[in-house]
Amino acid sequence: MWVQRLKSKKVKISLAVVIIVILAVGIFRWRDFYALAESVIDSFTDESMVADTWNATVDTGNGELKQSEKSCEALDWFCDEADVCANTLGDGDYIIVAQADAPETKQWKTDQSNCDRPQCGVDGEQNGDDLQADNTISFTDYPARDYCDSIGGRLPTKDELNCIYIERASFGDNFAAGCYWSSTEYSTTCAWWQYFSSGYQLRSDKTGSHYVRCVRGW
């Protein structure tokens, strides 16, 4: 009888040891997992680790959230000044500004005709209407906008362009003493531009060539 009790006791002890070992391993693995998760979280909150990349949460439609990167190449865009000028076209809260002008002056449009959908927000001859921010649209007939498309940006709206002028010291203060196109249409034949020597805004023929400084919605 005592032999059976001893065996039973040994079995219980063995089971207890096994359970303790499993729990210990589980705890260490959980700690490792927690440390890994914490390091991943830190990589999204530590500014020194994200550098020139911002991360935004995106609703996938089924309640889940995932990270969506917004890339900002520091050599091409004034990324640190993202909160200086408000976005008035609806593709972000702010705009970031290219560090340099287009290599040469550009026409607003290759002919003096209405800016219609899909390139503009509404059809034809609308003072205040803007060229769209969507770079999946073809802007072949809009050379200034087409150039901005080629570098992943767009033209600033009339109001955004005025903000860039006011805050030009924040954006390198390397603007030409001339006229810069906005994305804003004035009429069938004209669009708005801003003179960076004095700051006044006027409109001129769409086929005229002026300077171009691109922006991105942010």
Protein backbone atom coordinates (compact mmCIF):
# COMPACT_ATOMS: atom_id res chain seq x y z
CA MET A 1 0.00 0.00 0.00
CA TRP A 2 2.74 2.46 0.97
CA VAL A 3 4.50 1.71 -2.34
CA GLN A 4 1.42 2.77 -4.26
CA ARG A 5 1.12 5.93 -2.18
CA LEU A 6 4.78 6.74 -2.85
CA LYS A 7 4.29 6.27 -6.57
CA SER A 8 1.19 8.47 -6.51
CA LYS A 9 3.08 11.15 -4.58
CA LYS A 10 5.95 11.01 -7.10
CA VAL A 11 3.49 11.38 -9.98
CA LYS A 12 1.90 14.41 -8.34
CA ILE A 13 5.31 15.98 -7.72
CA SER A 14 6.31 15.32 -11.32
CA LEU A 15 3.13 16.90 -12.61
CA ALA A 16 3.64 19.92 -10.37
CA VAL A 17 7.21 20.34 -11.69
CA VAL A 18 6.01 20.10 -15.29
CA ILE A 19 3.29 22.70 -14.66
CA ILE A 20 5.79 25.06 -13.00
CA VAL A 21 8.21 24.69 -15.94
CA ILE A 22 5.43 25.37 -18.48
CA LEU A 23 4.29 28.45 -16.57
CA ALA A 24 7.86 29.74 -16.26
CA VAL A 25 8.50 29.30 -19.98
CA GLY A 26 5.18 30.97 -20.76
CA ILE A 27 6.01 33.93 -18.55
CA PHE A 28 9.41 34.43 -20.17
CA ARG A 29 7.92 34.12 -23.63
CA TRP A 30 5.19 36.61 -22.73
CA ARG A 31 7.83 39.00 -21.42
CA ASP A 32 9.79 38.64 -24.68
CA PHE A 33 6.63 39.23 -26.68
CA TYR A 34 5.72 42.25 -24.55
CA ALA A 35 9.23 43.70 -24.95
CA LEU A 36 9.04 43.21 -28.72
CA ALA A 37 5.61 44.82 -28.90
CA GLU A 38 6.82 47.71 -26.76
CA SER A 39 9.82 48.27 -29.04
CA VAL A 40 7.54 48.32 -32.09
CA ILE A 41 5.24 50.84 -30.41
CA ASP A 42 8.23 52.96 -29.44
CA SER A 43 9.41 52.97 -33.06
CA PHE A 44 6.22 54.82 -34.01
CA THR A 45 6.39 57.34 -31.19
CA ASP A 46 10.12 58.06 -30.99
CA GLU A 47 10.77 60.98 -33.36
CA SER A 48 14.43 60.01 -33.73
CA MET A 49 13.35 56.65 -35.14
CA VAL A 50 10.71 57.83 -37.59
CA ALA A 51 12.86 60.74 -38.89
CA ASP A 52 11.14 62.06 -42.01
CA THR A 53 8.24 59.62 -42.02
CA TRP A 54 4.92 60.28 -40.33
CA ASN A 55 2.45 57.49 -39.58
CA ALA A 56 -1.32 57.81 -39.65
CA THR A 57 -3.95 55.31 -38.54
CA VAL A 58 -6.35 54.25 -41.27
CA ASP A 59 -9.76 52.66 -40.79
CA THR A 60 -9.85 49.49 -42.90
CA GLY A 61 -13.65 49.37 -42.81
CA ASN A 62 -14.00 46.38 -40.48
CA GLY A 63 -12.91 48.05 -37.27
CA GLU A 64 -9.20 47.34 -37.63
CA LEU A 65 -6.48 49.96 -37.83
CA LYS A 66 -3.23 49.78 -39.74
CA GLN A 67 -0.28 52.08 -40.25
CA SER A 68 -0.14 54.14 -43.43
CA GLU A 69 3.13 55.90 -44.17
CA LYS A 70 3.42 59.45 -45.42
CA SER A 71 6.87 59.90 -46.87
CA CYS A 72 8.60 63.27 -46.87
CA GLU A 73 11.96 63.39 -48.64
CA ALA A 74 13.88 66.00 -46.65
CA LEU A 75 16.05 67.00 -49.61
CA ASP A 76 13.02 67.95 -51.73
CA TRP A 77 10.42 69.33 -49.31
CA PHE A 78 10.32 71.62 -46.29
CA CYS A 79 8.96 68.93 -43.99
CA ASP A 80 9.56 70.65 -40.66
CA GLU A 81 7.31 73.54 -41.67
CA ALA A 82 4.29 71.31 -42.31
CA ASP A 83 2.11 73.26 -39.88
CA VAL A 84 2.87 76.78 -41.16
CA CYS A 85 0.26 76.96 -43.94
CA ALA A 86 -3.24 75.54 -43.72
CA ASN A 87 -4.51 73.25 -46.46
CA THR A 88 -7.45 74.79 -48.36
CA LEU A 89 -7.94 72.06 -50.99
CA GLY A 90 -9.04 69.28 -48.66
CA ASP A 91 -6.22 66.75 -49.15
CA GLY A 92 -4.82 67.25 -45.65
CA ASP A 93 -4.69 69.65 -42.73
CA TYR A 94 -1.57 71.48 -43.88
CA ILE A 95 0.72 71.76 -46.88
CA ILE A 96 4.42 71.08 -47.21
CA VAL A 97 6.34 73.11 -49.77
CA ALA A 98 8.95 72.11 -52.35
CA GLN A 99 12.43 73.42 -51.64
CA ALA A 100 12.92 74.70 -55.18
CA ASP A 101 10.99 76.06 -58.15
CA ALA A 102 10.33 74.10 -61.29
CA PRO A 103 13.44 74.22 -63.52
CA GLU A 104 11.68 76.60 -65.91
CA THR A 105 8.52 78.69 -66.08
CA LYS A 106 5.30 76.91 -67.12
CA GLN A 107 1.92 77.67 -68.65
CA TRP A 108 -1.18 77.18 -66.53
CA LYS A 109 -2.92 75.64 -69.56
CA THR A 110 -1.90 75.10 -73.16
CA ASP A 111 -4.95 77.01 -74.41
CA GLN A 112 -7.27 79.63 -72.96
CA SER A 113 -10.33 77.53 -72.31
CA ASN A 114 -12.44 76.39 -69.36
CA CYS A 115 -10.99 74.12 -66.74
CA ASP A 116 -13.56 71.33 -66.48
CA ARG A 117 -13.86 68.09 -64.56
CA PRO A 118 -11.97 65.95 -63.84
CA GLN A 119 -9.04 68.40 -63.78
CA CYS A 120 -11.03 71.07 -61.90
CA GLY A 121 -13.61 70.70 -59.16
CA VAL A 122 -16.52 71.97 -61.27
CA ASP A 123 -17.11 72.62 -64.95
CA GLY A 124 -15.97 75.80 -66.59
CA GLU A 125 -15.29 79.47 -65.96
CA GLN A 126 -15.53 79.40 -62.17
CA ASN A 127 -13.66 82.11 -60.29
CA GLY A 128 -12.23 80.30 -57.27
CA ASP A 129 -12.36 76.80 -58.73
CA ASP A 130 -9.15 74.79 -58.32
CA LEU A 131 -7.18 72.15 -60.13
CA GLN A 132 -7.70 68.87 -58.29
CA ALA A 133 -5.17 67.32 -55.90
CA ASP A 134 -5.67 63.84 -57.39
CA ASN A 135 -2.49 62.81 -59.24
CA THR A 136 -4.22 59.87 -60.94
CA ILE A 137 -5.82 62.44 -63.27
CA SER A 138 -4.01 63.40 -66.47
CA PHE A 139 -2.79 67.02 -66.46
CA THR A 140 -1.13 66.93 -69.87
CA ASP A 141 -2.84 70.17 -70.97
CA TYR A 142 -1.88 71.90 -67.70
CA PRO A 143 1.94 72.19 -67.78
CA ALA A 144 2.41 73.81 -64.34
CA ARG A 145 0.16 71.24 -62.66
CA ASP A 146 1.68 68.43 -64.71
CA TYR A 147 5.15 69.31 -63.45
CA CYS A 148 3.95 69.16 -59.83
CA ASP A 149 2.38 65.78 -60.58
CA SER A 150 5.77 64.54 -61.80
CA ILE A 151 7.37 65.21 -58.40
CA GLY A 152 4.44 63.92 -56.35
CA GLY A 153 2.89 67.29 -55.55
CA ARG A 154 0.32 69.79 -56.77
CA LEU A 155 -0.07 73.52 -57.31
CA PRO A 156 -0.96 75.62 -54.24
CA THR A 157 -4.37 77.23 -54.16
CA LYS A 158 -4.63 81.02 -54.28
CA ASP A 159 -4.90 81.18 -50.47
CA GLU A 160 -2.11 78.66 -49.90
CA LEU A 161 0.16 80.60 -52.26
CA ASN A 162 -0.48 83.78 -50.29
CA CYS A 163 0.46 81.96 -47.08
CA ILE A 164 3.68 80.74 -48.71
CA TYR A 165 4.48 84.34 -49.65
CA ILE A 166 3.82 85.61 -46.11
CA GLU A 167 5.84 82.75 -44.56
CA ARG A 168 8.50 82.67 -47.30
CA ALA A 169 11.33 82.96 -44.78
CA SER A 170 10.25 79.57 -43.40
CA PHE A 171 10.42 78.07 -46.88
CA GLY A 172 14.00 78.95 -47.78
CA ASP A 173 13.30 82.53 -48.91
CA ASN A 174 14.67 81.54 -52.32
CA PHE A 175 11.73 82.64 -54.46
CA ALA A 176 12.15 84.52 -57.71
CA ALA A 177 11.18 88.18 -57.97
CA GLY A 178 8.34 87.27 -60.29
CA CYS A 179 4.90 85.70 -60.64
CA TYR A 180 3.96 82.24 -59.34
CA TRP A 181 0.96 80.27 -60.55
CA SER A 182 -1.74 79.17 -58.16
CA SER A 183 -4.11 76.28 -58.89
CA THR A 184 -7.09 78.64 -58.88
CA GLU A 185 -9.02 79.48 -62.03
CA TYR A 186 -10.43 82.98 -62.55
CA SER A 187 -12.32 82.66 -65.84
CA THR A 188 -12.34 80.85 -69.17
CA THR A 189 -9.13 82.56 -70.22
CA CYS A 190 -7.38 83.48 -66.94
CA ALA A 191 -6.03 82.01 -63.71
CA TRP A 192 -4.68 83.54 -60.49
CA TRP A 193 -0.99 84.17 -59.78
CA GLN A 194 0.97 86.00 -57.08
CA TYR A 195 3.83 88.45 -57.57
CA PHE A 196 6.52 87.59 -55.02
CA SER A 197 8.24 90.98 -55.17
CA SER A 198 5.26 92.77 -53.67
CA GLY A 199 2.78 90.06 -52.69
CA TYR A 200 -0.16 91.26 -54.75
CA GLN A 201 -2.35 88.73 -56.53
CA LEU A 202 -3.68 89.19 -60.06
CA ARG A 203 -4.91 87.00 -62.91
CA SER A 204 -3.53 86.59 -66.38
CA ASP A 205 -3.87 84.46 -69.50
CA LYS A 206 -3.60 80.75 -68.84
CA THR A 207 -1.15 80.40 -71.72
CA GLY A 208 1.34 82.77 -70.10
CA SER A 209 4.44 81.27 -68.49
CA HIS A 210 5.15 81.92 -64.80
CA TYR A 211 7.17 80.38 -61.98
CA VAL A 212 5.96 77.21 -60.25
CA ARG A 213 6.47 76.17 -56.61
CA CYS A 214 4.74 72.89 -55.81
CA VAL A 215 3.19 71.74 -52.53
CA ARG A 216 1.81 68.55 -51.02
CA GLY A 217 -1.29 68.07 -48.94
CA TRP A 218 -0.45 66.92 -45.42
